[in-house]
N, C-alpha and C. Protein backbone atom coordinates (compact mmCIF):
# COMPACT_ATOMS: atom_id res chain seq x y z
N UNK A 1 0.82 -1.22 -0.09
CA UNK A 1 -0.01 -0.12 0.06
C UNK A 1 0.90 1.24 0.01
N UNK A 2 0.55 2.15 -0.84
CA UNK A 2 1.66 3.30 -0.97
C UNK A 2 1.38 4.31 0.16
N UNK A 3 2.45 5.01 0.57
CA UNK A 3 2.39 5.92 1.58
C UNK A 3 1.74 7.27 1.15
N UNK A 4 0.98 7.86 1.86
CA UNK A 4 0.43 9.20 1.50
C UNK A 4 1.54 10.28 1.83
N UNK A 5 2.04 11.07 0.94
CA UNK A 5 2.93 12.11 1.29
C UNK A 5 2.13 13.16 1.92
N UNK A 6 2.62 13.66 2.95
CA UNK A 6 2.17 14.83 3.73
C UNK A 6 2.73 16.06 3.20
N UNK A 7 2.04 17.21 2.99
CA UNK A 7 2.46 18.39 2.47
C UNK A 7 3.63 18.93 3.37
N UNK A 8 4.77 19.61 2.68
CA UNK A 8 5.91 19.99 3.36
C UNK A 8 5.49 21.05 4.45
N UNK A 9 4.62 21.85 4.15
CA UNK A 9 4.20 22.92 5.31
C UNK A 9 3.58 22.38 6.21
N UNK A 10 2.89 21.08 6.16
CA UNK A 10 2.28 20.62 7.27
C UNK A 10 3.30 19.91 8.10
N UNK A 11 4.30 19.13 7.49
CA UNK A 11 5.52 18.76 8.23
C UNK A 11 6.09 19.79 8.95
N UNK A 12 6.43 20.90 8.41
CA UNK A 12 7.11 22.02 9.06
C UNK A 12 6.39 22.43 10.30
N UNK A 13 5.08 22.53 10.19
CA UNK A 13 4.27 23.14 11.22
C UNK A 13 4.40 22.01 12.45
N UNK A 14 4.25 20.74 12.23
CA UNK A 14 4.33 19.79 13.26
C UNK A 14 5.84 19.81 13.91
N UNK A 15 6.79 19.85 12.90
CA UNK A 15 8.25 19.90 13.51
C UNK A 15 8.55 21.21 14.50
N UNK A 16 7.85 22.38 13.95
CA UNK A 16 7.95 23.60 14.74
C UNK A 16 7.46 23.46 16.15
N UNK A 17 6.07 22.72 16.28
CA UNK A 17 5.69 22.54 17.68
C UNK A 17 6.46 21.49 18.35
N UNK A 18 6.84 20.44 17.76
CA UNK A 18 7.70 19.49 18.32
C UNK A 18 8.88 20.16 18.98
N UNK A 19 9.60 20.89 18.22
CA UNK A 19 11.00 21.67 18.69
C UNK A 19 10.74 22.55 19.82
N UNK A 20 9.43 23.43 19.63
CA UNK A 20 9.14 24.34 20.83
C UNK A 20 9.07 23.66 22.15
N UNK A 21 8.25 22.50 21.89
CA UNK A 21 7.79 21.83 23.32
C UNK A 21 9.09 21.11 23.64
N UNK A 22 9.94 20.41 22.97
CA UNK A 22 11.09 19.84 23.33
C UNK A 22 12.03 20.84 24.00
N UNK A 23 12.16 22.04 23.43
CA UNK A 23 13.03 23.17 23.87
C UNK A 23 12.67 23.63 25.29
N UNK A 24 11.19 23.84 25.46
CA UNK A 24 10.65 24.27 26.68
C UNK A 24 10.66 23.30 27.80
N UNK A 25 10.77 21.97 27.39
CA UNK A 25 10.83 20.70 28.25
C UNK A 25 12.14 20.54 28.96
N UNK A 26 13.25 21.37 28.47
CA UNK A 26 14.58 21.08 29.05
C UNK A 26 14.57 21.58 30.53
N UNK A 27 15.49 20.80 31.26
CA UNK A 27 15.64 21.02 32.63
C UNK A 27 17.05 21.31 33.10
N UNK A 28 17.98 20.77 32.23
CA UNK A 28 19.49 20.76 32.75
C UNK A 28 19.96 22.19 32.54
N UNK A 29 19.29 22.98 31.90
CA UNK A 29 19.77 24.33 31.49
C UNK A 29 19.75 25.26 32.66
N UNK A 30 20.33 26.46 32.64
CA UNK A 30 20.47 27.38 33.61
C UNK A 30 19.93 28.62 33.14
N UNK A 31 18.87 29.40 33.66
CA UNK A 31 17.83 28.76 34.55
C UNK A 31 17.10 27.63 33.66
N UNK A 32 16.68 26.60 34.45
CA UNK A 32 15.98 25.60 33.95
C UNK A 32 14.49 25.96 33.30
N UNK A 33 13.97 25.38 32.40
CA UNK A 33 12.64 25.58 31.72
C UNK A 33 11.61 24.78 32.50
N UNK A 34 10.96 23.90 31.82
CA UNK A 34 9.92 23.11 32.41
C UNK A 34 10.45 21.79 33.11
N UNK A 35 11.61 21.46 32.77
CA UNK A 35 12.20 20.34 33.48
C UNK A 35 11.60 18.97 33.23
N UNK A 36 10.99 18.78 31.93
CA UNK A 36 10.41 17.49 31.70
C UNK A 36 11.40 16.47 31.32
N UNK A 37 12.58 16.88 30.70
CA UNK A 37 13.60 15.94 30.45
C UNK A 37 14.90 16.62 30.83
N UNK A 38 15.92 16.00 31.29
CA UNK A 38 17.07 16.36 31.88
C UNK A 38 18.23 16.58 30.66
N UNK A 39 17.94 17.69 29.84
CA UNK A 39 18.72 18.07 28.84
C UNK A 39 19.02 19.66 28.80
N UNK A 40 20.04 19.88 28.16
CA UNK A 40 20.51 21.33 27.94
C UNK A 40 21.25 21.33 26.60
N UNK A 41 20.37 21.12 25.47
CA UNK A 41 21.06 20.86 24.21
C UNK A 41 21.07 22.02 23.27
N UNK A 42 20.28 23.12 23.54
CA UNK A 42 20.24 24.27 22.61
C UNK A 42 21.02 25.53 23.10
N UNK A 43 20.91 25.77 24.33
CA UNK A 43 21.38 27.06 24.85
C UNK A 43 22.96 27.26 24.43
N UNK A 44 23.40 28.45 24.17
CA UNK A 44 24.77 28.91 23.76
C UNK A 44 25.83 28.38 24.63
N UNK A 45 25.52 28.57 25.75
CA UNK A 45 26.56 27.92 26.75
C UNK A 45 26.34 26.63 27.27
N UNK A 46 25.49 25.89 26.75
CA UNK A 46 25.32 24.48 27.14
C UNK A 46 25.59 23.58 25.97
N UNK A 47 24.56 22.67 25.76
CA UNK A 47 24.79 21.81 24.54
C UNK A 47 24.96 22.40 23.27
N UNK A 48 24.26 23.60 23.11
CA UNK A 48 24.54 24.51 21.86
C UNK A 48 26.03 24.73 21.56
N UNK A 49 26.85 25.00 22.56
CA UNK A 49 28.29 25.25 22.42
C UNK A 49 28.93 23.91 21.92
N UNK A 50 28.68 22.88 22.50
CA UNK A 50 29.19 21.58 22.15
C UNK A 50 28.92 21.28 20.65
N UNK A 51 27.62 21.29 20.19
CA UNK A 51 27.32 21.08 18.78
C UNK A 51 28.06 22.16 17.94
N UNK A 52 28.22 23.34 18.42
CA UNK A 52 28.72 24.27 17.53
C UNK A 52 30.26 23.87 17.14
N UNK A 53 30.90 23.40 18.24
CA UNK A 53 32.42 22.95 18.11
C UNK A 53 32.42 21.61 17.18
N UNK A 54 31.45 20.77 17.60
CA UNK A 54 31.52 19.30 16.91
C UNK A 54 30.94 19.39 15.38
N UNK A 55 30.04 20.18 15.31
CA UNK A 55 29.28 20.28 13.94
C UNK A 55 29.17 21.70 13.55
N UNK A 56 30.21 22.30 13.02
CA UNK A 56 30.18 23.85 12.81
C UNK A 56 28.98 24.24 11.73
N UNK A 57 28.89 23.36 10.74
CA UNK A 57 27.96 23.67 9.72
C UNK A 57 26.49 23.39 9.80
N UNK A 58 26.17 22.41 10.74
CA UNK A 58 24.91 22.04 11.11
C UNK A 58 24.49 22.01 12.50
N UNK A 59 25.22 22.75 13.39
CA UNK A 59 25.08 22.62 14.79
C UNK A 59 23.63 23.02 15.28
N UNK A 60 23.02 24.08 14.57
CA UNK A 60 21.66 24.59 15.02
C UNK A 60 20.75 23.55 14.82
N UNK A 61 20.86 22.70 13.70
CA UNK A 61 19.79 21.66 13.38
C UNK A 61 20.01 20.43 14.30
N UNK A 62 21.42 20.14 14.51
CA UNK A 62 21.71 18.96 15.40
C UNK A 62 21.18 19.15 16.86
N UNK A 63 21.36 20.44 17.34
CA UNK A 63 20.83 20.53 18.70
C UNK A 63 19.47 20.26 18.69
N UNK A 64 18.59 20.80 17.86
CA UNK A 64 17.08 20.81 17.64
C UNK A 64 16.82 19.35 17.52
N UNK A 65 17.47 18.73 16.66
CA UNK A 65 17.33 17.21 16.40
C UNK A 65 17.52 16.38 17.75
N UNK A 66 18.36 16.78 18.53
CA UNK A 66 18.72 16.05 19.74
C UNK A 66 17.73 16.29 20.88
N UNK A 67 17.40 17.41 21.07
CA UNK A 67 16.30 17.65 21.83
C UNK A 67 15.05 17.15 21.63
N UNK A 68 14.75 17.12 20.22
CA UNK A 68 13.47 16.49 19.95
C UNK A 68 13.55 14.98 20.21
N UNK A 69 14.71 14.36 20.09
CA UNK A 69 14.81 12.92 20.29
C UNK A 69 14.75 12.73 21.77
N UNK A 70 15.35 13.64 22.64
CA UNK A 70 15.04 13.49 24.15
C UNK A 70 13.45 13.35 24.52
N UNK A 71 12.78 14.27 23.82
CA UNK A 71 11.24 14.45 24.07
C UNK A 71 10.68 13.01 23.32
N UNK A 72 11.04 12.68 22.38
CA UNK A 72 10.58 11.38 21.86
C UNK A 72 10.67 10.17 22.70
N UNK A 73 11.89 10.21 23.34
CA UNK A 73 12.38 9.04 24.19
C UNK A 73 11.50 9.06 25.42
N UNK A 74 11.22 10.27 25.94
CA UNK A 74 10.35 10.24 27.29
C UNK A 74 8.94 9.99 26.91
N UNK A 75 8.44 10.43 25.72
CA UNK A 75 7.10 10.15 25.19
C UNK A 75 6.93 8.52 25.17
N UNK A 76 8.01 7.96 24.50
CA UNK A 76 8.01 6.39 24.27
C UNK A 76 7.91 5.73 25.48
N UNK A 77 8.69 6.27 26.52
CA UNK A 77 8.78 5.55 27.88
C UNK A 77 7.41 5.68 28.60
N UNK A 78 6.79 6.83 28.41
CA UNK A 78 5.28 6.96 29.04
C UNK A 78 4.37 6.22 28.30
N UNK A 79 4.48 6.14 26.99
CA UNK A 79 3.60 5.27 26.31
C UNK A 79 3.67 3.78 26.57
N UNK A 80 4.98 3.29 26.78
CA UNK A 80 5.18 2.00 27.04
C UNK A 80 4.42 1.44 28.45
N UNK A 81 4.11 2.33 29.24
CA UNK A 81 3.35 1.96 30.46
C UNK A 81 1.88 1.79 30.18
N UNK A 82 1.49 2.15 28.84
CA UNK A 82 -0.01 1.80 28.49
C UNK A 82 -0.33 0.54 28.00
N UNK A 83 -1.48 0.29 28.12
CA UNK A 83 -1.89 -1.25 27.55
C UNK A 83 -1.68 -1.44 26.04
N UNK A 84 -1.95 -0.38 25.34
CA UNK A 84 -1.75 -0.41 23.87
C UNK A 84 -1.02 0.99 23.45
N UNK A 85 0.30 0.72 23.71
CA UNK A 85 1.14 1.92 23.33
C UNK A 85 1.07 2.36 21.96
N UNK A 86 0.87 1.63 20.96
CA UNK A 86 0.86 1.93 19.61
C UNK A 86 -0.44 2.40 19.20
N UNK A 87 -1.53 2.42 19.95
CA UNK A 87 -2.96 2.82 19.48
C UNK A 87 -3.23 4.13 20.11
N UNK A 88 -2.19 5.09 20.19
CA UNK A 88 -2.39 6.53 20.57
C UNK A 88 -1.64 7.30 19.46
N UNK A 89 -2.12 8.53 19.58
CA UNK A 89 -1.27 9.57 18.89
C UNK A 89 -1.04 10.79 19.69
N UNK A 90 0.26 11.10 19.80
CA UNK A 90 0.83 12.09 20.63
C UNK A 90 1.64 13.14 19.71
N UNK A 91 1.97 14.19 20.39
CA UNK A 91 2.69 15.22 19.52
C UNK A 91 4.20 14.58 19.06
N UNK A 92 4.58 13.58 19.77
CA UNK A 92 5.82 12.86 19.33
C UNK A 92 5.70 11.60 18.82
N UNK A 93 4.54 11.10 18.78
CA UNK A 93 4.33 9.78 18.09
C UNK A 93 3.20 9.80 17.28
N UNK A 94 3.35 9.64 15.85
CA UNK A 94 2.18 9.68 14.94
C UNK A 94 2.00 8.40 14.05
N UNK A 95 2.99 7.42 14.48
CA UNK A 95 2.78 6.20 13.62
C UNK A 95 4.08 6.28 12.67
N UNK A 96 4.36 5.12 12.10
CA UNK A 96 5.46 4.87 11.35
C UNK A 96 5.59 5.83 10.16
N UNK A 97 4.63 5.84 9.37
CA UNK A 97 4.52 6.69 8.03
C UNK A 97 4.86 8.11 8.42
N UNK A 98 4.12 8.69 9.30
CA UNK A 98 4.20 10.14 9.60
C UNK A 98 5.51 10.40 10.15
N UNK A 99 5.73 9.62 11.30
CA UNK A 99 7.11 9.88 11.93
C UNK A 99 8.34 9.81 10.95
N UNK A 100 8.29 8.80 10.13
CA UNK A 100 9.26 8.85 9.03
C UNK A 100 9.52 10.02 8.23
N UNK A 101 8.31 10.57 7.75
CA UNK A 101 8.35 11.71 6.98
C UNK A 101 8.82 12.89 7.75
N UNK A 102 8.51 13.00 8.95
CA UNK A 102 8.87 14.13 9.89
C UNK A 102 10.51 14.07 9.92
N UNK A 103 10.95 12.74 10.19
CA UNK A 103 12.45 12.60 10.25
C UNK A 103 13.17 13.07 9.01
N UNK A 104 12.57 12.54 7.75
CA UNK A 104 13.15 13.06 6.38
C UNK A 104 12.97 14.46 6.25
N UNK A 105 12.07 15.16 6.63
CA UNK A 105 11.85 16.56 6.56
C UNK A 105 12.89 17.36 7.25
N UNK A 106 13.24 16.85 8.44
CA UNK A 106 14.33 17.51 9.22
C UNK A 106 15.50 17.28 8.79
N UNK A 107 15.82 15.95 8.17
CA UNK A 107 17.08 15.65 7.42
C UNK A 107 17.41 16.54 6.32
N UNK A 108 16.16 16.77 5.57
CA UNK A 108 16.23 17.74 4.38
C UNK A 108 16.62 19.13 4.92
N UNK A 109 16.02 19.70 5.82
CA UNK A 109 16.47 21.05 6.25
C UNK A 109 17.89 21.11 6.79
N UNK A 110 18.23 19.99 7.51
CA UNK A 110 19.76 19.97 7.96
C UNK A 110 20.71 20.13 6.95
N UNK A 111 20.37 19.24 5.74
CA UNK A 111 21.33 19.27 4.69
C UNK A 111 21.41 20.63 4.03
N UNK A 112 20.33 21.35 3.85
CA UNK A 112 20.15 22.48 3.21
C UNK A 112 20.87 23.92 4.01
N UNK A 113 21.12 23.56 5.17
CA UNK A 113 21.76 24.53 6.09
C UNK A 113 21.38 25.88 6.39
N UNK A 114 19.97 26.09 6.07
CA UNK A 114 19.39 27.32 6.53
C UNK A 114 19.22 27.28 7.84
N UNK A 115 19.04 28.41 8.51
CA UNK A 115 18.67 28.43 9.97
C UNK A 115 17.35 28.19 10.35
N UNK A 116 17.22 27.34 11.20
CA UNK A 116 15.92 26.88 11.73
C UNK A 116 14.94 27.88 11.86
N UNK A 117 15.18 29.09 12.25
CA UNK A 117 14.26 29.99 12.60
C UNK A 117 13.88 30.77 11.16
N UNK A 118 14.73 30.59 10.15
CA UNK A 118 14.31 31.07 8.82
C UNK A 118 13.42 30.33 8.04
N UNK A 119 13.35 28.93 8.33
CA UNK A 119 12.69 27.97 7.63
C UNK A 119 11.39 27.28 8.32
N UNK A 120 11.32 27.20 9.67
CA UNK A 120 10.43 26.61 10.35
C UNK A 120 9.50 27.84 11.03
N UNK A 121 8.27 27.55 11.19
CA UNK A 121 7.40 28.51 11.85
C UNK A 121 7.38 28.37 13.45
N UNK A 122 8.57 28.31 13.98
CA UNK A 122 8.72 28.07 15.33
C UNK A 122 8.12 29.35 16.06
N UNK A 123 7.01 29.20 16.95
CA UNK A 123 6.20 30.32 17.52
C UNK A 123 6.93 31.10 18.58
N UNK A 124 8.06 30.95 19.10
CA UNK A 124 8.83 31.51 19.96
C UNK A 124 10.30 31.57 19.52
N UNK A 125 10.92 32.45 20.13
CA UNK A 125 12.53 32.58 19.88
C UNK A 125 13.06 31.65 20.74
N UNK A 126 13.46 30.54 20.32
CA UNK A 126 14.15 29.44 21.12
C UNK A 126 15.62 29.88 21.65
N UNK A 127 16.13 30.94 21.05
CA UNK A 127 17.45 31.29 21.34
C UNK A 127 17.55 32.41 22.37
N UNK A 128 16.19 32.90 22.87
CA UNK A 128 16.02 33.75 23.86
C UNK A 128 15.72 33.18 25.15
N UNK A 129 15.88 33.96 26.39
CA UNK A 129 15.49 33.22 27.70
C UNK A 129 14.10 32.85 27.70
N UNK A 130 13.82 31.87 28.27
CA UNK A 130 12.48 31.15 28.27
C UNK A 130 11.45 32.05 28.97
N UNK A 131 10.28 32.02 28.58
CA UNK A 131 9.22 32.87 29.19
C UNK A 131 7.91 32.01 29.27
N UNK A 132 7.52 31.49 30.52
CA UNK A 132 6.51 30.70 30.57
C UNK A 132 5.11 31.28 29.70
N UNK A 133 5.04 32.55 29.89
CA UNK A 133 3.98 33.25 29.35
C UNK A 133 4.01 33.21 27.88
N UNK A 134 5.07 33.52 27.36
CA UNK A 134 5.35 33.61 25.76
C UNK A 134 5.01 31.99 25.29
N UNK A 135 5.49 30.96 25.93
CA UNK A 135 5.27 29.64 25.66
C UNK A 135 3.85 29.18 25.70
N UNK A 136 3.13 29.78 26.81
CA UNK A 136 1.67 29.34 26.84
C UNK A 136 0.97 30.20 25.63
N UNK A 137 1.36 31.33 25.23
CA UNK A 137 0.63 31.88 24.21
C UNK A 137 1.12 31.23 22.80
N UNK A 138 2.29 30.79 22.61
CA UNK A 138 2.63 30.02 21.58
C UNK A 138 1.92 28.74 21.41
N UNK A 139 1.49 28.04 22.32
CA UNK A 139 0.82 26.66 22.24
C UNK A 139 -0.60 26.79 22.24
N UNK A 140 -1.28 27.98 22.90
CA UNK A 140 -2.70 27.84 23.08
C UNK A 140 -3.31 28.04 21.67
N UNK A 141 -4.62 27.45 21.81
CA UNK A 141 -5.47 27.84 20.47
C UNK A 141 -6.51 29.02 21.04
N UNK A 142 -6.48 30.00 20.17
CA UNK A 142 -7.19 31.27 20.78
C UNK A 142 -8.53 30.96 20.83
N UNK A 143 -9.18 31.40 22.09
CA UNK A 143 -10.61 31.29 22.43
C UNK A 143 -11.02 29.76 22.53
N UNK A 144 -10.12 28.86 22.73
CA UNK A 144 -10.53 27.47 22.85
C UNK A 144 -9.74 26.71 23.90
N UNK A 145 -10.38 26.17 24.74
CA UNK A 145 -9.87 25.31 25.81
C UNK A 145 -10.01 23.72 25.31
N UNK A 146 -8.78 23.21 25.45
CA UNK A 146 -8.74 21.78 24.90
C UNK A 146 -9.19 20.88 26.07
N UNK A 147 -10.47 20.21 25.89
CA UNK A 147 -10.81 19.27 26.96
C UNK A 147 -9.96 18.01 27.08
N UNK A 148 -9.73 17.53 27.89
CA UNK A 148 -9.04 16.23 28.36
C UNK A 148 -9.38 15.66 29.52
N UNK A 149 -9.17 14.35 29.82
CA UNK A 149 -9.31 13.69 31.10
C UNK A 149 -7.91 13.17 31.48
N UNK A 150 -7.71 13.28 32.72
CA UNK A 150 -6.31 12.86 33.38
C UNK A 150 -6.60 11.23 33.49
N UNK A 151 -5.52 10.58 33.03
CA UNK A 151 -5.53 9.20 33.18
C UNK A 151 -4.08 8.86 33.56
N UNK A 152 -3.74 7.59 34.14
CA UNK A 152 -2.42 7.40 34.65
C UNK A 152 -1.15 7.86 33.71
N UNK A 153 -1.41 7.51 32.38
CA UNK A 153 -0.41 7.79 31.54
C UNK A 153 -0.19 9.32 30.91
N UNK A 154 -1.30 10.09 31.06
CA UNK A 154 -1.07 11.46 30.60
C UNK A 154 -2.66 12.22 30.50
N UNK A 155 -2.65 12.93 29.47
CA UNK A 155 -3.91 13.71 29.43
C UNK A 155 -4.57 13.14 27.99
N UNK A 156 -5.70 12.36 28.22
CA UNK A 156 -6.32 11.94 27.06
C UNK A 156 -7.32 12.87 26.44
N UNK A 157 -7.04 13.45 25.30
CA UNK A 157 -7.67 14.48 24.71
C UNK A 157 -9.10 14.05 24.28
N UNK A 158 -10.16 14.90 24.63
CA UNK A 158 -11.44 14.22 24.34
C UNK A 158 -12.02 14.91 23.01
N UNK A 159 -13.01 14.44 22.68
CA UNK A 159 -13.61 14.81 21.22
C UNK A 159 -12.96 14.13 20.10
N UNK A 160 -13.47 14.36 18.81
CA UNK A 160 -13.06 13.71 17.62
C UNK A 160 -11.55 14.10 17.22
N UNK A 161 -10.91 13.24 17.04
CA UNK A 161 -9.39 13.45 16.50
C UNK A 161 -9.61 14.28 15.19
N UNK A 162 -8.76 15.44 15.13
CA UNK A 162 -8.70 16.07 14.09
C UNK A 162 -8.04 15.45 12.71
N UNK A 163 -8.56 15.63 11.54
CA UNK A 163 -7.94 14.94 10.40
C UNK A 163 -6.60 15.53 10.06
N UNK A 164 -6.77 16.89 10.01
CA UNK A 164 -5.66 17.76 9.56
C UNK A 164 -4.54 17.63 10.56
N UNK A 165 -3.37 16.99 10.21
CA UNK A 165 -2.36 16.69 10.96
C UNK A 165 -1.75 18.14 11.70
N UNK A 166 -1.65 19.14 10.95
CA UNK A 166 -1.13 20.39 11.72
C UNK A 166 -1.98 20.85 12.74
N UNK A 167 -3.31 20.90 12.53
CA UNK A 167 -4.45 21.16 13.41
C UNK A 167 -4.30 20.23 14.72
N UNK A 168 -4.18 19.00 14.42
CA UNK A 168 -4.18 18.08 15.46
C UNK A 168 -2.96 18.24 16.35
N UNK A 169 -1.77 18.54 15.75
CA UNK A 169 -0.61 19.00 16.46
C UNK A 169 -0.78 20.06 17.39
N UNK A 170 -1.48 20.99 16.80
CA UNK A 170 -1.65 22.29 17.57
C UNK A 170 -2.54 21.96 18.84
N UNK A 171 -3.55 20.99 18.65
CA UNK A 171 -4.61 20.62 19.67
C UNK A 171 -3.67 19.78 20.77
N UNK A 172 -2.86 19.01 20.33
CA UNK A 172 -2.00 18.29 21.29
C UNK A 172 -1.18 19.04 22.15
N UNK A 173 -0.49 20.05 21.49
CA UNK A 173 0.39 20.99 22.26
C UNK A 173 -0.37 21.96 23.17
N UNK A 174 -1.65 22.25 22.67
CA UNK A 174 -2.43 23.09 23.52
C UNK A 174 -2.90 22.32 24.79
N UNK A 175 -3.00 21.07 24.67
CA UNK A 175 -3.41 20.23 25.76
C UNK A 175 -2.44 20.19 26.85
N UNK A 176 -1.25 20.81 26.65
CA UNK A 176 -0.20 20.73 27.72
C UNK A 176 -0.69 21.80 28.78
N UNK A 177 -1.62 22.62 28.32
CA UNK A 177 -2.06 23.55 29.34
C UNK A 177 -3.34 23.20 30.12
N UNK A 178 -3.47 23.55 31.30
CA UNK A 178 -2.58 24.23 32.15
C UNK A 178 -1.08 23.40 32.38
N UNK A 179 -0.06 24.07 32.48
CA UNK A 179 1.20 23.50 32.61
C UNK A 179 0.95 22.73 34.05
N UNK A 180 1.72 21.53 34.11
CA UNK A 180 1.57 20.93 35.56
C UNK A 180 2.65 21.43 36.35
N UNK A 181 2.10 21.57 37.69
CA UNK A 181 2.92 22.07 38.80
C UNK A 181 4.13 21.06 39.22
N UNK A 182 3.99 19.88 38.85
CA UNK A 182 5.01 18.77 39.41
C UNK A 182 6.14 18.61 38.58
N UNK A 183 6.36 19.31 37.49
CA UNK A 183 7.44 19.14 36.56
C UNK A 183 7.43 17.87 35.96
N UNK A 184 6.31 17.17 35.61
CA UNK A 184 6.28 16.06 34.88
C UNK A 184 5.60 16.12 33.54
N UNK A 185 6.08 15.68 32.59
CA UNK A 185 5.54 15.84 31.06
C UNK A 185 4.09 15.15 31.29
N UNK A 186 3.09 15.92 31.00
CA UNK A 186 1.56 15.41 30.94
C UNK A 186 1.22 14.71 29.75
N UNK A 187 2.06 14.50 28.72
CA UNK A 187 1.75 13.65 27.51
C UNK A 187 0.23 13.71 27.20
N UNK A 188 0.01 14.65 26.49
CA UNK A 188 -1.36 14.77 25.88
C UNK A 188 -1.42 13.71 24.73
N UNK A 189 -2.75 13.06 24.59
CA UNK A 189 -2.69 12.16 23.51
C UNK A 189 -4.15 11.82 22.99
N UNK A 190 -4.27 11.27 21.93
CA UNK A 190 -5.69 10.85 21.31
C UNK A 190 -5.41 9.52 21.45
N UNK A 191 -6.60 8.70 21.70
CA UNK A 191 -6.67 7.18 21.63
C UNK A 191 -7.31 6.88 20.21
N UNK A 192 -6.46 6.10 19.72
CA UNK A 192 -6.87 5.79 18.38
C UNK A 192 -7.99 4.72 18.31
N UNK A 193 -9.01 4.81 17.42
CA UNK A 193 -10.10 4.02 17.49
C UNK A 193 -9.69 2.54 17.11
N UNK A 194 -10.42 1.61 17.74
CA UNK A 194 -10.19 0.18 17.41
C UNK A 194 -10.84 -0.16 15.96
N UNK A 195 -10.25 -0.91 15.20
CA UNK A 195 -10.69 -1.46 13.96
C UNK A 195 -11.56 -2.57 14.10
């Protein structure tokens, strides 16, 4: 069965949201951000400096790719605690076909060597100090509160799962609000319907 190609602008929108959430989730930086994963991979004086010295031509993309992988790893760990971990959709898990296209799109940008902020619609400046207020504005959906129920593995988004992948990504990111007080990643997800 042929794989449906996702439009490039849709992939870029999803990548931008993944990157901003992954950046905001870092906790080993000083000052720490949301502390969902113990990384410091983007900041100029943290991992960003290491990547600049190791990969002078692609360091910006390498740090974003690595912090995204840290978020994917935690997402995978949290999903593994579920009864059917492959029967959900999260901001960092879309299923093989979509995840592969996202990885290919990121690799494409990395090869072209344009700066991430010039190519992706990243809703906040990830190279400036973290502002929780700006992050909330960047991921919220105007005049809409995303309904979810708390379950042991995260936040199950209620209502019909959106067909448009970029809109679904925005809704999943918005379901991070309100931000948890206990510094644990709340993993919003849609439960996929049984066939």
